[in-house]
Amino acid sequence: MKNFKPDVIKFKKPESEWTEEEHTEYTKWVLKLSMAHRFKQQIQENKPLTNRDKRIIERFRSGADFFGE
């Protein structure tokens, strides 16, 4: 995750001024970070990944939208 650089320009306004689209983008960004952290921990502990985990990692790598938009 060292090379991960979020587009923080979108989130410089106070949260009370965010539009619905900005809230959605922020939620997607937070979910991707939390999933990446979870998988990183799981891999470091040498736990085998399930097929579901592998599919999620592949979606994350390809930049797929998890909300189905």
PDB file of N, CA and C in Angstrom:
ATOM      1  N   MET A   1       0.804  -1.197   0.000  1.00  0.00           N
ATOM      2  CA  MET A   1       0.000   0.000   0.000  1.00  0.00           C
ATOM      3  C   MET A   1       0.850   1.265   0.000  1.00  0.00           C
ATOM      4  N   LYS A   2       2.165   1.124  -0.018  1.00  0.00           N
ATOM      5  CA  LYS A   2       3.027   2.296   0.005  1.00  0.00           C
ATOM      6  C   LYS A   2       2.804   3.176  -1.217  1.00  0.00           C
ATOM      7  N   ASN A   3       2.515   2.578  -2.359  1.00  0.00           N
ATOM      8  CA  ASN A   3       2.376   3.328  -3.601  1.00  0.00           C
ATOM      9  C   ASN A   3       0.962   3.842  -3.826  1.00  0.00           C
ATOM     10  N   PHE A   4       0.042   3.564  -2.919  1.00  0.00           N
ATOM     11  CA  PHE A   4      -1.345   3.975  -3.092  1.00  0.00           C
ATOM     12  C   PHE A   4      -1.476   5.455  -2.761  1.00  0.00           C
ATOM     13  N   LYS A   5      -1.906   6.236  -3.743  1.00  0.00           N
ATOM     14  CA  LYS A   5      -2.079   7.668  -3.538  1.00  0.00           C
ATOM     15  C   LYS A   5      -3.518   8.038  -3.891  1.00  0.00           C
ATOM     16  N   PRO A   6      -4.352   8.260  -2.892  1.00  0.00           N
ATOM     17  CA  PRO A   6      -5.751   8.584  -3.174  1.00  0.00           C
ATOM     18  C   PRO A   6      -5.899   9.970  -3.785  1.00  0.00           C
ATOM     19  N   ASP A   7      -6.997  10.160  -4.445  1.00  0.00           N
ATOM     20  CA  ASP A   7      -7.311  11.461  -5.023  1.00  0.00           C
ATOM     21  C   ASP A   7      -7.936  12.318  -3.919  1.00  0.00           C
ATOM     22  N   VAL A   8      -7.091  12.855  -3.047  1.00  0.00           N
ATOM     23  CA  VAL A   8      -7.587  13.581  -1.880  1.00  0.00           C
ATOM     24  C   VAL A   8      -8.136  14.960  -2.223  1.00  0.00           C
ATOM     25  N   ILE A   9      -7.920  15.416  -3.425  1.00  0.00           N
ATOM     26  CA  ILE A   9      -8.426  16.732  -3.822  1.00  0.00           C
ATOM     27  C   ILE A   9      -9.943  16.774  -3.685  1.00  0.00           C
ATOM     28  N   LYS A  10     -10.611  15.668  -3.966  1.00  0.00           N
ATOM     29  CA  LYS A  10     -12.066  15.619  -3.875  1.00  0.00           C
ATOM     30  C   LYS A  10     -12.558  15.806  -2.445  1.00  0.00           C
ATOM     31  N   PHE A  11     -11.736  15.479  -1.469  1.00  0.00           N
ATOM     32  CA  PHE A  11     -12.194  15.445  -0.090  1.00  0.00           C
ATOM     33  C   PHE A  11     -11.661  16.610   0.744  1.00  0.00           C
ATOM     34  N   LYS A  12     -11.270  17.693   0.096  1.00  0.00           N
ATOM     35  CA  LYS A  12     -10.711  18.824   0.840  1.00  0.00           C
ATOM     36  C   LYS A  12     -11.786  19.707   1.461  1.00  0.00           C
ATOM     37  N   LYS A  13     -13.009  19.664   0.932  1.00  0.00           N
ATOM     38  CA  LYS A  13     -14.085  20.460   1.505  1.00  0.00           C
ATOM     39  C   LYS A  13     -14.514  19.850   2.836  1.00  0.00           C
ATOM     40  N   PRO A  14     -15.126  20.645   3.698  1.00  0.00           N
ATOM     41  CA  PRO A  14     -15.684  20.054   4.917  1.00  0.00           C
ATOM     42  C   PRO A  14     -16.766  19.031   4.549  1.00  0.00           C
ATOM     43  N   GLU A  15     -16.867  17.991   5.340  1.00  0.00           N
ATOM     44  CA  GLU A  15     -17.798  16.909   5.009  1.00  0.00           C
ATOM     45  C   GLU A  15     -19.246  17.397   4.931  1.00  0.00           C
ATOM     46  N   SER A  16     -19.585  18.425   5.683  1.00  0.00           N
ATOM     47  CA  SER A  16     -20.960  18.941   5.656  1.00  0.00           C
ATOM     48  C   SER A  16     -21.320  19.540   4.294  1.00  0.00           C
ATOM     49  N   GLU A  17     -20.319  19.891   3.480  1.00  0.00           N
ATOM     50  CA  GLU A  17     -20.569  20.492   2.168  1.00  0.00           C
ATOM     51  C   GLU A  17     -20.487  19.487   1.022  1.00  0.00           C
ATOM     52  N   TRP A  18     -20.227  18.226   1.324  1.00  0.00           N
ATOM     53  CA  TRP A  18     -20.098  17.215   0.277  1.00  0.00           C
ATOM     54  C   TRP A  18     -21.436  16.952  -0.397  1.00  0.00           C
ATOM     55  N   THR A  19     -21.362  16.637  -1.676  1.00  0.00           N
ATOM     56  CA  THR A  19     -22.549  16.213  -2.404  1.00  0.00           C
ATOM     57  C   THR A  19     -22.722  14.711  -2.206  1.00  0.00           C
ATOM     58  N   GLU A  20     -23.841  14.191  -2.655  1.00  0.00           N
ATOM     59  CA  GLU A  20     -24.101  12.751  -2.554  1.00  0.00           C
ATOM     60  C   GLU A  20     -23.036  11.956  -3.313  1.00  0.00           C
ATOM     61  N   GLU A  21     -22.614  12.485  -4.451  1.00  0.00           N
ATOM     62  CA  GLU A  21     -21.580  11.818  -5.255  1.00  0.00           C
ATOM     63  C   GLU A  21     -20.248  11.752  -4.507  1.00  0.00           C
ATOM     64  N   GLU A  22     -19.903  12.816  -3.810  1.00  0.00           N
ATOM     65  CA  GLU A  22     -18.652  12.827  -3.042  1.00  0.00           C
ATOM     66  C   GLU A  22     -18.705  11.853  -1.871  1.00  0.00           C
ATOM     67  N   HIS A  23     -19.866  11.736  -1.232  1.00  0.00           N
ATOM     68  CA  HIS A  23     -20.026  10.748  -0.161  1.00  0.00           C
ATOM     69  C   HIS A  23     -19.841   9.337  -0.710  1.00  0.00           C
ATOM     70  N   THR A  24     -20.404   9.077  -1.877  1.00  0.00           N
ATOM     71  CA  THR A  24     -20.281   7.758  -2.497  1.00  0.00           C
ATOM     72  C   THR A  24     -18.832   7.455  -2.847  1.00  0.00           C
ATOM     73  N   GLU A  25     -18.142   8.414  -3.436  1.00  0.00           N
ATOM     74  CA  GLU A  25     -16.728   8.223  -3.788  1.00  0.00           C
ATOM     75  C   GLU A  25     -15.885   7.954  -2.549  1.00  0.00           C
ATOM     76  N   TYR A  26     -16.138   8.700  -1.487  1.00  0.00           N
ATOM     77  CA  TYR A  26     -15.378   8.515  -0.255  1.00  0.00           C
ATOM     78  C   TYR A  26     -15.640   7.132   0.337  1.00  0.00           C
ATOM     79  N   THR A  27     -16.889   6.693   0.317  1.00  0.00           N
ATOM     80  CA  THR A  27     -17.237   5.368   0.833  1.00  0.00           C
ATOM     81  C   THR A  27     -16.531   4.280   0.041  1.00  0.00           C
ATOM     82  N   LYS A  28     -16.509   4.407  -1.273  1.00  0.00           N
ATOM     83  CA  LYS A  28     -15.809   3.428  -2.116  1.00  0.00           C
ATOM     84  C   LYS A  28     -14.329   3.395  -1.777  1.00  0.00           C
ATOM     85  N   TRP A  29     -13.735   4.563  -1.601  1.00  0.00           N
ATOM     86  CA  TRP A  29     -12.312   4.658  -1.296  1.00  0.00           C
ATOM     87  C   TRP A  29     -11.998   3.991   0.045  1.00  0.00           C
ATOM     88  N   VAL A  30     -12.827   4.251   1.061  1.00  0.00           N
ATOM     89  CA  VAL A  30     -12.615   3.665   2.388  1.00  0.00           C
ATOM     90  C   VAL A  30     -12.774   2.148   2.334  1.00  0.00           C
ATOM     91  N   LEU A  31     -13.778   1.660   1.603  1.00  0.00           N
ATOM     92  CA  LEU A  31     -13.978   0.213   1.491  1.00  0.00           C
ATOM     93  C   LEU A  31     -12.794  -0.465   0.806  1.00  0.00           C
ATOM     94  N   LYS A  32     -12.275   0.155  -0.236  1.00  0.00           N
ATOM     95  CA  LYS A  32     -11.120  -0.432  -0.924  1.00  0.00           C
ATOM     96  C   LYS A  32      -9.904  -0.488  -0.004  1.00  0.00           C
ATOM     97  N   LEU A  33      -9.693   0.572   0.774  1.00  0.00           N
ATOM     98  CA  LEU A  33      -8.568   0.566   1.711  1.00  0.00           C
ATOM     99  C   LEU A  33      -8.727  -0.517   2.772  1.00  0.00           C
ATOM    100  N   SER A  34      -9.935  -0.651   3.306  1.00  0.00           N
ATOM    101  CA  SER A  34     -10.144  -1.651   4.360  1.00  0.00           C
ATOM    102  C   SER A  34      -9.993  -3.065   3.815  1.00  0.00           C
ATOM    103  N   MET A  35     -10.454  -3.311   2.596  1.00  0.00           N
ATOM    104  CA  MET A  35     -10.290  -4.643   2.000  1.00  0.00           C
ATOM    105  C   MET A  35      -8.820  -4.934   1.743  1.00  0.00           C
ATOM    106  N   ALA A  36      -8.103  -3.947   1.251  1.00  0.00           N
ATOM    107  CA  ALA A  36      -6.679  -4.150   0.989  1.00  0.00           C
ATOM    108  C   ALA A  36      -5.934  -4.461   2.287  1.00  0.00           C
ATOM    109  N   HIS A  37      -6.287  -3.768   3.346  1.00  0.00           N
ATOM    110  CA  HIS A  37      -5.647  -4.011   4.641  1.00  0.00           C
ATOM    111  C   HIS A  37      -5.964  -5.417   5.148  1.00  0.00           C
ATOM    112  N   ARG A  38      -7.216  -5.817   5.015  1.00  0.00           N
ATOM    113  CA  ARG A  38      -7.625  -7.149   5.475  1.00  0.00           C
ATOM    114  C   ARG A  38      -6.869  -8.245   4.721  1.00  0.00           C
ATOM    115  N   PHE A  39      -6.793  -8.120   3.412  1.00  0.00           N
ATOM    116  CA  PHE A  39      -6.112  -9.139   2.615  1.00  0.00           C
ATOM    117  C   PHE A  39      -4.607  -9.136   2.869  1.00  0.00           C
ATOM    118  N   LYS A  40      -4.048  -7.960   3.097  1.00  0.00           N
ATOM    119  CA  LYS A  40      -2.616  -7.894   3.399  1.00  0.00           C
ATOM    120  C   LYS A  40      -2.316  -8.641   4.693  1.00  0.00           C
ATOM    121  N   GLN A  41      -3.145  -8.443   5.715  1.00  0.00           N
ATOM    122  CA  GLN A  41      -2.958  -9.154   6.982  1.00  0.00           C
ATOM    123  C   GLN A  41      -3.123 -10.652   6.797  1.00  0.00           C
ATOM    124  N   GLN A  42      -4.122 -11.040   6.030  1.00  0.00           N
ATOM    125  CA  GLN A  42      -4.393 -12.460   5.817  1.00  0.00           C
ATOM    126  C   GLN A  42      -3.230 -13.128   5.082  1.00  0.00           C
ATOM    127  N   ILE A  43      -2.664 -12.446   4.118  1.00  0.00           N
ATOM    128  CA  ILE A  43      -1.543 -13.004   3.363  1.00  0.00           C
ATOM    129  C   ILE A  43      -0.295 -13.088   4.246  1.00  0.00           C
ATOM    130  N   GLN A  44      -0.079 -12.077   5.081  1.00  0.00           N
ATOM    131  CA  GLN A  44       1.084 -12.099   5.972  1.00  0.00           C
ATOM    132  C   GLN A  44       0.991 -13.229   6.996  1.00  0.00           C
ATOM    133  N   GLU A  45      -0.220 -13.595   7.388  1.00  0.00           N
ATOM    134  CA  GLU A  45      -0.408 -14.682   8.345  1.00  0.00           C
ATOM    135  C   GLU A  45      -0.377 -16.044   7.660  1.00  0.00           C
ATOM    136  N   ASN A  46      -0.175 -16.045   6.363  1.00  0.00           N
ATOM    137  CA  ASN A  46      -0.106 -17.266   5.556  1.00  0.00           C
ATOM    138  C   ASN A  46      -1.383 -18.096   5.620  1.00  0.00           C
ATOM    139  N   LYS A  47      -2.516 -17.419   5.772  1.00  0.00           N
ATOM    140  CA  LYS A  47      -3.796 -18.121   5.709  1.00  0.00           C
ATOM    141  C   LYS A  47      -4.153 -18.294   4.237  1.00  0.00           C
ATOM    142  N   PRO A  48      -4.663 -19.453   3.868  1.00  0.00           N
ATOM    143  CA  PRO A  48      -5.058 -19.630   2.465  1.00  0.00           C
ATOM    144  C   PRO A  48      -6.273 -18.761   2.129  1.00  0.00           C
ATOM    145  N   LEU A  49      -6.251 -18.182   0.950  1.00  0.00           N
ATOM    146  CA  LEU A  49      -7.367 -17.355   0.504  1.00  0.00           C
ATOM    147  C   LEU A  49      -8.471 -18.242  -0.055  1.00  0.00           C
ATOM    148  N   THR A  50      -9.705 -17.885   0.240  1.00  0.00           N
ATOM    149  CA  THR A  50     -10.836 -18.621  -0.319  1.00  0.00           C
ATOM    150  C   THR A  50     -11.071 -18.142  -1.748  1.00  0.00           C
ATOM    151  N   ASN A  51     -11.900 -18.858  -2.473  1.00  0.00           N
ATOM    152  CA  ASN A  51     -12.228 -18.441  -3.844  1.00  0.00           C
ATOM    153  C   ASN A  51     -12.892 -17.072  -3.842  1.00  0.00           C
ATOM    154  N   ARG A  52     -13.745 -16.816  -2.848  1.00  0.00           N
ATOM    155  CA  ARG A  52     -14.410 -15.519  -2.745  1.00  0.00           C
ATOM    156  C   ARG A  52     -13.369 -14.415  -2.561  1.00  0.00           C
ATOM    157  N   ASP A  53     -12.384 -14.649  -1.685  1.00  0.00           N
ATOM    158  CA  ASP A  53     -11.323 -13.666  -1.470  1.00  0.00           C
ATOM    159  C   ASP A  53     -10.560 -13.394  -2.759  1.00  0.00           C
ATOM    160  N   LYS A  54     -10.276 -14.440  -3.506  1.00  0.00           N
ATOM    161  CA  LYS A  54      -9.537 -14.288  -4.765  1.00  0.00           C
ATOM    162  C   LYS A  54     -10.329 -13.465  -5.774  1.00  0.00           C
ATOM    163  N   ARG A  55     -11.655 -13.678  -5.833  1.00  0.00           N
ATOM    164  CA  ARG A  55     -12.497 -12.893  -6.746  1.00  0.00           C
ATOM    165  C   ARG A  55     -12.494 -11.418  -6.346  1.00  0.00           C
ATOM    166  N   ILE A  56     -12.573 -11.156  -5.044  1.00  0.00           N
ATOM    167  CA  ILE A  56     -12.579  -9.770  -4.572  1.00  0.00           C
ATOM    168  C   ILE A  56     -11.249  -9.094  -4.889  1.00  0.00           C
ATOM    169  N   ILE A  57     -10.157  -9.799  -4.688  1.00  0.00           N
ATOM    170  CA  ILE A  57      -8.837  -9.240  -5.007  1.00  0.00           C
ATOM    171  C   ILE A  57      -8.744  -8.923  -6.492  1.00  0.00           C
ATOM    172  N   GLU A  58      -9.262  -9.809  -7.328  1.00  0.00           N
ATOM    173  CA  GLU A  58      -9.217  -9.578  -8.771  1.00  0.00           C
ATOM    174  C   GLU A  58     -10.046  -8.354  -9.149  1.00  0.00           C
ATOM    175  N   ARG A  59     -11.211  -8.177  -8.527  1.00  0.00           N
ATOM    176  CA  ARG A  59     -12.021  -6.981  -8.787  1.00  0.00           C
ATOM    177  C   ARG A  59     -11.288  -5.731  -8.332  1.00  0.00           C
ATOM    178  N   PHE A  60     -10.635  -5.817  -7.187  1.00  0.00           N
ATOM    179  CA  PHE A  60      -9.888  -4.679  -6.655  1.00  0.00           C
ATOM    180  C   PHE A  60      -8.765  -4.283  -7.609  1.00  0.00           C
ATOM    181  N   ARG A  61      -8.049  -5.272  -8.117  1.00  0.00           N
ATOM    182  CA  ARG A  61      -6.937  -5.001  -9.040  1.00  0.00           C
ATOM    183  C   ARG A  61      -7.417  -4.394 -10.349  1.00  0.00           C
ATOM    184  N   SER A  62      -8.568  -4.861 -10.828  1.00  0.00           N
ATOM    185  CA  SER A  62      -9.070  -4.368 -12.111  1.00  0.00           C
ATOM    186  C   SER A  62      -9.820  -3.047 -11.973  1.00  0.00           C
ATOM    187  N   GLY A  63     -10.060  -2.613 -10.737  1.00  0.00           N
ATOM    188  CA  GLY A  63     -10.755  -1.350 -10.522  1.00  0.00           C
ATOM    189  C   GLY A  63     -12.248  -1.452 -10.698  1.00  0.00           C
ATOM    190  N   ALA A  64     -12.800  -2.652 -10.537  1.00  0.00           N
ATOM    191  CA  ALA A  64     -14.236  -2.854 -10.703  1.00  0.00           C
ATOM    192  C   ALA A  64     -15.006  -2.094  -9.631  1.00  0.00           C
ATOM    193  N   ASP A  65     -16.216  -1.733  -9.975  1.00  0.00           N
ATOM    194  CA  ASP A  65     -17.079  -1.008  -9.054  1.00  0.00           C
ATOM    195  C   ASP A  65     -17.851  -2.014  -8.212  1.00  0.00           C
ATOM    196  N   PHE A  66     -17.687  -1.965  -6.901  1.00  0.00           N
ATOM    197  CA  PHE A  66     -18.326  -2.929  -6.015  1.00  0.00           C
ATOM    198  C   PHE A  66     -19.787  -2.607  -5.766  1.00  0.00           C
ATOM    199  N   PHE A  67     -20.242  -1.442  -6.180  1.00  0.00           N
ATOM    200  CA  PHE A  67     -21.623  -1.059  -5.955  1.00  0.00           C
ATOM    201  C   PHE A  67     -22.511  -1.380  -7.151  1.00  0.00           C
ATOM    202  N   GLY A  68     -21.950  -1.899  -8.212  1.00  0.00           N
ATOM    203  CA  GLY A  68     -22.730  -2.310  -9.377  1.00  0.00           C
ATOM    204  C   GLY A  68     -23.302  -1.166 -10.181  1.00  0.00           C
ATOM    205  N   GLU A  69     -22.666  -0.036 -10.155  1.00  0.00           N
ATOM    206  CA  GLU A  69     -23.175   1.121 -10.913  1.00  0.00           C
ATOM    207  C   GLU A  69     -22.734   1.044 -12.351  1.00  0.00           C
TER     208      GLU A  69
END
